């Protein structure tokens, strides 16, 4: 005779008994999406929570030359066009110090798109190449901002920067 196995989970005040099949079904329902890529799943999530853009960043570097380039794709996930899109980056070394490119006086790296980005359209942006005196070890996004059709300026919150960004 087949017995149903149950998990007994004890909490200080609460005792819960759940069949293993229910836990397995629950994990399949919420942890996977059939036939979807990582980027497609991320887009669906961003739309559900009301975040308006998806930014994909592909850093390319020549380690020997201490060179950095960023290839960026920005997709508008809203129903309105956006304009004046901007991402502000910093390159950091192993000691977490902000680095300044050799040919610049200030450390910020900027991806700026002045033209309108229509809904569900991807626009590309290229930053660099920049040469550094020290080897960079990480790239930090300082801010992402844009303007909507109704001339309101938006800044993606610090908590949401990781959600709207995919690093390749």
C-alpha atoms as a PDB file:
ATOM      1  CA  UNK A   1       0.000   0.000   0.000  1.00  0.00           C
ATOM      2  CA  UNK A   2       1.287   3.453  -0.930  1.00  0.00           C
ATOM      3  CA  UNK A   3       1.519   6.057   1.828  1.00  0.00           C
ATOM      4  CA  UNK A   4       1.604   9.767   1.200  1.00  0.00           C
ATOM      5  CA  UNK A   5       4.771  11.266   2.609  1.00  0.00           C
ATOM      6  CA  UNK A   6       4.444  14.486   4.513  1.00  0.00           C
ATOM      7  CA  UNK A   7       6.980  17.059   5.561  1.00  0.00           C
ATOM      8  CA  UNK A   8       6.719  18.148   9.104  1.00  0.00           C
ATOM      9  CA  UNK A   9       8.054  21.619   9.585  1.00  0.00           C
ATOM     10  CA  UNK A  10       8.212  22.887  13.139  1.00  0.00           C
ATOM     11  CA  UNK A  11       8.178  26.531  14.057  1.00  0.00           C
ATOM     12  CA  UNK A  12       8.177  27.796  17.661  1.00  0.00           C
ATOM     13  CA  UNK A  13       4.427  28.407  17.600  1.00  0.00           C
ATOM     14  CA  UNK A  14       3.226  26.687  14.438  1.00  0.00           C
ATOM     15  CA  UNK A  15       3.365  23.138  13.102  1.00  0.00           C
ATOM     16  CA  UNK A  16       2.750  22.659   9.376  1.00  0.00           C
ATOM     17  CA  UNK A  17       2.319  19.367   7.578  1.00  0.00           C
ATOM     18  CA  UNK A  18       2.430  19.540   3.757  1.00  0.00           C
ATOM     19  CA  UNK A  19       2.388  16.679   1.240  1.00  0.00           C
ATOM     20  CA  UNK A  20       5.592  16.498  -0.856  1.00  0.00           C
ATOM     21  CA  UNK A  21       3.548  16.621  -4.081  1.00  0.00           C
ATOM     22  CA  UNK A  22       2.090  20.011  -3.083  1.00  0.00           C
ATOM     23  CA  UNK A  23       5.551  21.440  -2.421  1.00  0.00           C
ATOM     24  CA  UNK A  24       6.838  20.112  -5.760  1.00  0.00           C
ATOM     25  CA  UNK A  25       3.851  21.531  -7.679  1.00  0.00           C
ATOM     26  CA  UNK A  26       4.206  24.883  -5.945  1.00  0.00           C
ATOM     27  CA  UNK A  27       7.901  25.114  -6.840  1.00  0.00           C
ATOM     28  CA  UNK A  28       7.200  24.273 -10.504  1.00  0.00           C
ATOM     29  CA  UNK A  29       4.459  26.866 -10.711  1.00  0.00           C
ATOM     30  CA  UNK A  30       6.452  29.755  -9.291  1.00  0.00           C
ATOM     31  CA  UNK A  31      10.079  28.935 -10.066  1.00  0.00           C
ATOM     32  CA  UNK A  32       9.925  28.110 -13.769  1.00  0.00           C
ATOM     33  CA  UNK A  33       8.279  29.453 -16.868  1.00  0.00           C
ATOM     34  CA  UNK A  34       8.037  27.078 -19.807  1.00  0.00           C
ATOM     35  CA  UNK A  35       9.699  27.958 -23.122  1.00  0.00           C
ATOM     36  CA  UNK A  36      11.046  31.278 -21.864  1.00  0.00           C
ATOM     37  CA  UNK A  37      14.546  32.662 -21.941  1.00  0.00           C
ATOM     38  CA  UNK A  38      16.088  34.459 -18.993  1.00  0.00           C
ATOM     39  CA  UNK A  39      15.646  37.856 -20.692  1.00  0.00           C
ATOM     40  CA  UNK A  40      12.009  37.126 -21.571  1.00  0.00           C
ATOM     41  CA  UNK A  41      11.291  36.064 -17.994  1.00  0.00           C
ATOM     42  CA  UNK A  42      12.980  39.215 -16.720  1.00  0.00           C
ATOM     43  CA  UNK A  43      10.898  41.378 -19.098  1.00  0.00           C
ATOM     44  CA  UNK A  44       7.680  39.745 -17.900  1.00  0.00           C
ATOM     45  CA  UNK A  45       8.688  40.309 -14.285  1.00  0.00           C
ATOM     46  CA  UNK A  46       9.583  43.968 -14.907  1.00  0.00           C
ATOM     47  CA  UNK A  47       6.241  44.605 -16.622  1.00  0.00           C
ATOM     48  CA  UNK A  48       4.370  42.920 -13.747  1.00  0.00           C
ATOM     49  CA  UNK A  49       6.032  45.088 -11.096  1.00  0.00           C
ATOM     50  CA  UNK A  50       5.810  48.284 -13.143  1.00  0.00           C
ATOM     51  CA  UNK A  51       9.488  48.839 -13.978  1.00  0.00           C
ATOM     52  CA  UNK A  52       9.691  50.559 -17.379  1.00  0.00           C
ATOM     53  CA  UNK A  53      12.979  49.411 -18.961  1.00  0.00           C
ATOM     54  CA  UNK A  54      15.340  46.503 -19.428  1.00  0.00           C
ATOM     55  CA  UNK A  55      19.037  47.308 -19.857  1.00  0.00           C
ATOM     56  CA  UNK A  56      21.468  44.684 -21.143  1.00  0.00           C
ATOM     57  CA  UNK A  57      25.172  45.481 -20.685  1.00  0.00           C
ATOM     58  CA  UNK A  58      28.020  43.622 -22.350  1.00  0.00           C
ATOM     59  CA  UNK A  59      31.405  44.860 -21.108  1.00  0.00           C
ATOM     60  CA  UNK A  60      34.375  44.138 -23.361  1.00  0.00           C
ATOM     61  CA  UNK A  61      37.897  44.739 -22.267  1.00  0.00           C
ATOM     62  CA  UNK A  62      41.480  44.231 -23.220  1.00  0.00           C
ATOM     63  CA  UNK A  63      43.161  43.402 -19.935  1.00  0.00           C
ATOM     64  CA  UNK A  64      46.725  44.012 -21.143  1.00  0.00           C
ATOM     65  CA  UNK A  65      45.773  47.463 -22.442  1.00  0.00           C
ATOM     66  CA  UNK A  66      43.603  48.245 -19.372  1.00  0.00           C
ATOM     67  CA  UNK A  67      40.824  49.153 -21.793  1.00  0.00           C
ATOM     68  CA  UNK A  68      37.075  49.097 -21.171  1.00  0.00           C
ATOM     69  CA  UNK A  69      34.115  49.295 -23.563  1.00  0.00           C
ATOM     70  CA  UNK A  70      30.432  48.860 -22.746  1.00  0.00           C
ATOM     71  CA  UNK A  71      27.871  47.746 -25.316  1.00  0.00           C
ATOM     72  CA  UNK A  72      24.414  48.561 -24.000  1.00  0.00           C
ATOM     73  CA  UNK A  73      20.907  47.712 -25.208  1.00  0.00           C
ATOM     74  CA  UNK A  74      17.920  49.488 -23.713  1.00  0.00           C
ATOM     75  CA  UNK A  75      14.369  48.252 -24.214  1.00  0.00           C
ATOM     76  CA  UNK A  76      11.314  50.373 -23.444  1.00  0.00           C
ATOM     77  CA  UNK A  77       8.753  48.127 -21.709  1.00  0.00           C
ATOM     78  CA  UNK A  78       6.090  50.825 -21.285  1.00  0.00           C
ATOM     79  CA  UNK A  79       3.216  51.878 -23.529  1.00  0.00           C
ATOM     80  CA  UNK A  80       4.675  55.405 -23.838  1.00  0.00           C
ATOM     81  CA  UNK A  81       7.787  56.623 -25.582  1.00  0.00           C
ATOM     82  CA  UNK A  82      10.697  57.727 -23.432  1.00  0.00           C
ATOM     83  CA  UNK A  83      13.475  60.175 -24.205  1.00  0.00           C
ATOM     84  CA  UNK A  84      16.684  61.588 -22.754  1.00  0.00           C
ATOM     85  CA  UNK A  85      17.695  58.167 -21.486  1.00  0.00           C
ATOM     86  CA  UNK A  86      20.945  58.169 -19.503  1.00  0.00           C
ATOM     87  CA  UNK A  87      23.049  55.698 -17.511  1.00  0.00           C
ATOM     88  CA  UNK A  88      25.918  56.895 -15.348  1.00  0.00           C
ATOM     89  CA  UNK A  89      28.709  54.351 -14.631  1.00  0.00           C
ATOM     90  CA  UNK A  90      31.949  54.231 -12.677  1.00  0.00           C
ATOM     91  CA  UNK A  91      34.839  51.794 -13.115  1.00  0.00           C
ATOM     92  CA  UNK A  92      36.431  50.594  -9.870  1.00  0.00           C
ATOM     93  CA  UNK A  93      39.711  48.883  -9.043  1.00  0.00           C
ATOM     94  CA  UNK A  94      40.370  45.989  -6.639  1.00  0.00           C
ATOM     95  CA  UNK A  95      40.444  48.378  -3.667  1.00  0.00           C
ATOM     96  CA  UNK A  96      37.005  49.678  -4.738  1.00  0.00           C
ATOM     97  CA  UNK A  97      38.449  53.075  -5.694  1.00  0.00           C
ATOM     98  CA  UNK A  98      36.757  54.934  -8.559  1.00  0.00           C
ATOM     99  CA  UNK A  99      39.049  55.131 -11.579  1.00  0.00           C
ATOM    100  CA  UNK A 100      39.386  58.035 -14.020  1.00  0.00           C
ATOM    101  CA  UNK A 101      40.026  57.228 -17.697  1.00  0.00           C
ATOM    102  CA  UNK A 102      43.379  58.546 -18.974  1.00  0.00           C
ATOM    103  CA  UNK A 103      41.823  60.973 -21.465  1.00  0.00           C
ATOM    104  CA  UNK A 104      39.167  62.418 -19.092  1.00  0.00           C
ATOM    105  CA  UNK A 105      39.183  64.749 -16.102  1.00  0.00           C
ATOM    106  CA  UNK A 106      36.185  63.137 -14.382  1.00  0.00           C
ATOM    107  CA  UNK A 107      35.451  59.459 -13.647  1.00  0.00           C
ATOM    108  CA  UNK A 108      31.895  59.064 -14.912  1.00  0.00           C
ATOM    109  CA  UNK A 109      31.107  57.001 -17.992  1.00  0.00           C
ATOM    110  CA  UNK A 110      27.824  57.984 -19.611  1.00  0.00           C
ATOM    111  CA  UNK A 111      25.473  56.213 -22.004  1.00  0.00           C
ATOM    112  CA  UNK A 112      23.153  58.911 -23.305  1.00  0.00           C
ATOM    113  CA  UNK A 113      20.322  58.384 -25.808  1.00  0.00           C
ATOM    114  CA  UNK A 114      18.672  61.642 -26.853  1.00  0.00           C
ATOM    115  CA  UNK A 115      16.151  60.277 -29.353  1.00  0.00           C
ATOM    116  CA  UNK A 116      12.755  58.851 -28.429  1.00  0.00           C
ATOM    117  CA  UNK A 117      12.607  55.165 -27.571  1.00  0.00           C
ATOM    118  CA  UNK A 118       9.217  53.883 -28.676  1.00  0.00           C
ATOM    119  CA  UNK A 119       7.389  51.125 -26.739  1.00  0.00           C
ATOM    120  CA  UNK A 120       8.884  47.627 -27.211  1.00  0.00           C
ATOM    121  CA  UNK A 121      11.854  49.047 -29.148  1.00  0.00           C
ATOM    122  CA  UNK A 122      15.514  48.323 -28.364  1.00  0.00           C
ATOM    123  CA  UNK A 123      18.104  51.093 -28.780  1.00  0.00           C
ATOM    124  CA  UNK A 124      21.852  50.458 -28.609  1.00  0.00           C
ATOM    125  CA  UNK A 125      24.483  52.625 -26.954  1.00  0.00           C
ATOM    126  CA  UNK A 126      28.266  52.276 -26.968  1.00  0.00           C
ATOM    127  CA  UNK A 127      30.496  53.634 -24.186  1.00  0.00           C
ATOM    128  CA  UNK A 128      34.256  53.771 -24.687  1.00  0.00           C
ATOM    129  CA  UNK A 129      36.792  52.533 -25.332  1.00  0.00           C
ATOM    130  CA  UNK A 130      38.467  54.057 -22.301  1.00  0.00           C
ATOM    131  CA  UNK A 131      42.017  53.359 -21.129  1.00  0.00           C
ATOM    132  CA  UNK A 132      42.885  53.359 -17.411  1.00  0.00           C
ATOM    133  CA  UNK A 133      46.255  53.637 -15.700  1.00  0.00           C
ATOM    134  CA  UNK A 134      45.197  50.940 -13.198  1.00  0.00           C
ATOM    135  CA  UNK A 135      43.402  47.731 -14.061  1.00  0.00           C
ATOM    136  CA  UNK A 136      39.662  48.025 -13.435  1.00  0.00           C
ATOM    137  CA  UNK A 137      37.911  45.147 -11.656  1.00  0.00           C
ATOM    138  CA  UNK A 138      34.242  46.154 -11.530  1.00  0.00           C
ATOM    139  CA  UNK A 139      31.696  48.492 -13.054  1.00  0.00           C
ATOM    140  CA  UNK A 140      29.131  50.264 -10.899  1.00  0.00           C
ATOM    141  CA  UNK A 141      25.893  51.746 -12.214  1.00  0.00           C
ATOM    142  CA  UNK A 142      25.376  55.008 -10.361  1.00  0.00           C
ATOM    143  CA  UNK A 143      22.026  55.938 -11.916  1.00  0.00           C
ATOM    144  CA  UNK A 144      19.557  55.308 -14.734  1.00  0.00           C
ATOM    145  CA  UNK A 145      17.173  58.091 -15.721  1.00  0.00           C
ATOM    146  CA  UNK A 146      14.833  59.056 -18.560  1.00  0.00           C
ATOM    147  CA  UNK A 147      11.964  61.390 -19.461  1.00  0.00           C
ATOM    148  CA  UNK A 148       8.462  60.206 -20.392  1.00  0.00           C
ATOM    149  CA  UNK A 149       6.160  61.703 -23.059  1.00  0.00           C
ATOM    150  CA  UNK A 150       4.507  63.937 -20.468  1.00  0.00           C
ATOM    151  CA  UNK A 151       7.919  65.557 -19.733  1.00  0.00           C
ATOM    152  CA  UNK A 152       8.343  63.933 -16.303  1.00  0.00           C
ATOM    153  CA  UNK A 153      11.904  62.917 -15.411  1.00  0.00           C
ATOM    154  CA  UNK A 154      12.245  59.455 -13.815  1.00  0.00           C
ATOM    155  CA  UNK A 155      15.179  57.941 -11.949  1.00  0.00           C
ATOM    156  CA  UNK A 156      15.345  54.186 -11.344  1.00  0.00           C
ATOM    157  CA  UNK A 157      15.759  53.638  -7.613  1.00  0.00           C
ATOM    158  CA  UNK A 158      18.959  52.141  -6.260  1.00  0.00           C
ATOM    159  CA  UNK A 159      17.007  49.067  -5.100  1.00  0.00           C
ATOM    160  CA  UNK A 160      15.691  48.459  -8.650  1.00  0.00           C
ATOM    161  CA  UNK A 161      18.971  48.927 -10.570  1.00  0.00           C
ATOM    162  CA  UNK A 162      19.827  45.204 -10.347  1.00  0.00           C
ATOM    163  CA  UNK A 163      16.328  44.215 -11.465  1.00  0.00           C
ATOM    164  CA  UNK A 164      16.346  46.311 -14.658  1.00  0.00           C
ATOM    165  CA  UNK A 165      19.921  45.329 -15.601  1.00  0.00           C
ATOM    166  CA  UNK A 166      21.280  42.147 -17.176  1.00  0.00           C
ATOM    167  CA  UNK A 167      25.082  41.843 -17.320  1.00  0.00           C
ATOM    168  CA  UNK A 168      26.402  39.559 -20.057  1.00  0.00           C
END
